[in-house]
Protein backbone atom coordinates (compact mmCIF):
# COMPACT_ATOMS: atom_id res chain seq x y z
CA MET A 1 -2.31 -23.93 -22.26
CA ARG A 2 -0.86 -25.67 -25.29
CA GLU A 3 -1.61 -22.61 -27.39
CA GLY A 4 0.39 -20.31 -25.10
CA LEU A 5 -2.67 -18.57 -23.71
CA TRP A 6 -1.59 -19.16 -20.12
CA ARG A 7 1.69 -17.31 -20.66
CA THR A 8 -0.17 -14.46 -22.36
CA HIS A 9 -2.56 -14.24 -19.43
CA ILE A 10 0.27 -14.26 -16.87
CA ARG A 11 2.11 -11.55 -18.82
CA LYS A 12 -1.04 -9.36 -18.83
CA VAL A 13 -1.58 -9.86 -15.09
CA ARG A 14 2.04 -9.01 -14.32
CA THR A 15 1.92 -5.92 -16.53
CA SER A 16 -1.29 -4.75 -14.87
CA ALA A 17 0.16 -5.30 -11.39
CA HIS A 18 3.32 -3.44 -12.36
CA HIS A 19 1.36 -0.40 -13.59
CA LYS A 20 -0.84 -0.43 -10.49
CA ARG A 21 2.23 -0.60 -8.26
CA GLN A 22 3.84 2.33 -10.05
CA GLN A 23 0.63 4.34 -9.66
CA LEU A 24 0.35 3.46 -5.97
CA ILE A 25 3.90 4.57 -5.21
CA LYS A 26 3.51 7.71 -7.31
CA SER A 27 0.27 8.60 -5.51
CA LEU A 28 1.73 7.91 -2.07
CA THR A 29 4.77 10.05 -2.84
CA GLU A 30 2.81 12.91 -4.40
CA ARG A 31 0.06 12.92 -1.78
CA MET A 32 2.12 12.37 1.38
CA GLY A 33 5.68 13.20 0.37
CA ASN A 34 8.25 13.12 3.14
CA SER A 35 5.59 12.43 5.77
CA ILE A 36 5.81 8.70 5.08
CA GLU A 37 8.35 5.97 4.54
CA ILE A 38 7.63 3.34 1.89
CA VAL A 39 9.17 -0.12 1.79
CA GLU A 40 8.49 -1.89 -1.47
CA GLY A 41 9.31 -5.41 -2.49
CA LEU A 42 9.95 -6.31 -6.08
CA SER A 43 7.04 -8.62 -6.77
CA SER A 44 4.37 -8.31 -4.11
CA LEU A 45 0.87 -6.90 -4.36
CA PHE A 46 1.32 -4.46 -1.50
CA VAL A 47 3.74 -1.95 -0.04
CA LEU A 48 4.66 -1.29 3.57
CA VAL A 49 4.08 2.28 4.74
CA LYS A 50 4.62 4.11 8.00
CA THR A 51 4.13 7.73 8.88
CA ASN A 52 7.07 9.71 10.21
CA ASP A 53 5.03 11.10 13.10
CA GLY A 54 5.39 7.97 15.25
CA ARG A 55 1.79 6.74 15.10
CA THR A 56 1.29 3.07 15.81
CA GLU A 57 -0.07 0.47 13.45
CA ASP A 58 -3.39 0.51 15.33
CA GLU A 59 -3.67 4.30 15.11
CA LEU A 60 -3.02 4.27 11.37
CA ILE A 61 -5.50 1.45 10.76
CA GLU A 62 -8.18 3.15 12.86
CA ALA A 63 -7.77 6.53 11.14
CA ALA A 64 -7.93 4.88 7.72
CA ALA A 65 -11.01 2.86 8.67
CA LYS A 66 -12.86 6.02 9.70
CA ALA A 67 -12.43 7.19 6.09
CA ASP A 68 -13.53 3.77 4.77
CA VAL A 69 -10.01 2.88 3.59
CA SER A 70 -8.53 -0.50 4.43
CA VAL A 71 -4.91 -0.84 5.43
CA TYR A 72 -3.65 -3.93 7.17
CA PRO A 73 -1.55 -4.82 10.22
CA THR A 74 1.94 -6.27 10.00
CA LEU A 75 2.95 -6.92 13.61
CA ARG A 76 1.16 -10.27 13.69
CA TYR A 77 3.60 -11.62 11.10
CA TRP A 78 6.65 -11.32 13.36
CA ALA A 79 7.79 -14.64 14.81
CA GLY A 80 9.39 -12.89 17.78
CA GLU A 81 9.47 -9.34 19.02
CA ALA A 82 9.17 -6.71 16.33
CA PRO A 83 11.71 -3.89 16.41
CA GLU A 84 10.61 -1.09 18.71
CA ASP A 85 10.24 1.40 15.87
CA TRP A 86 8.22 -0.95 13.64
CA ARG A 87 5.04 0.95 12.77
CA TYR A 88 4.31 -0.20 9.23
CA VAL A 89 0.96 -1.09 7.71
CA LEU A 90 0.28 -2.95 4.48
CA ILE A 91 -1.37 -1.12 1.62
CA GLY A 92 -2.58 -3.54 -1.00
CA TYR A 93 -3.64 -2.75 -4.54
CA ALA A 94 -4.51 -6.06 -6.21
CA GLY A 95 -8.28 -5.58 -6.00
CA ILE A 96 -8.32 -1.84 -6.70
CA PRO A 97 -8.96 -0.62 -10.24
CA TYR A 98 -6.04 1.39 -11.61
CA ASP A 99 -8.19 4.51 -11.99
CA SER A 100 -9.22 4.39 -8.31
CA ILE A 101 -5.74 4.21 -6.78
CA ASP A 102 -4.99 7.93 -6.69
CA SER A 103 -8.36 8.92 -5.23
CA GLY A 104 -8.02 6.18 -2.61
CA ILE A 105 -4.58 7.45 -1.61
CA ALA A 106 -5.91 11.02 -1.52
CA THR A 107 -8.59 9.85 0.92
CA LEU A 108 -5.98 8.02 2.99
CA ALA A 109 -3.73 11.10 3.08
CA ARG A 110 -6.62 13.19 4.40
CA ALA A 111 -7.55 10.51 6.94
CA TRP A 112 -4.00 10.47 8.23
CA GLY A 113 -3.78 14.27 8.15
CA LEU A 114 -0.89 14.14 5.70
CA ALA A 115 -2.40 15.58 2.54
CA GLU A 116 0.20 17.75 0.85
């Protein structure tokens, strides 16, 4: 740490996460276009996504799982009642190699029936 290696490591990790995030959003947009809504934070390792066809969180998770793609629930994180139109799932990218993001999103788009 005294030699500045920790800062170098953190900078590399942040740069990698930034590039992965850009690729994830690009792939989601190109593969599913206006069929989805994306909510992205500035520094997280996931994005929130919902389809514009009104499917529930459970329906989206189940369809993705059938294609061997993991997306994660969000409703359990609400302290009270979630808004009635809340149908977002989490799509994480931290453990996915950069070169696998687009093919994973292509598989998800097909699983959700939203491939453009």
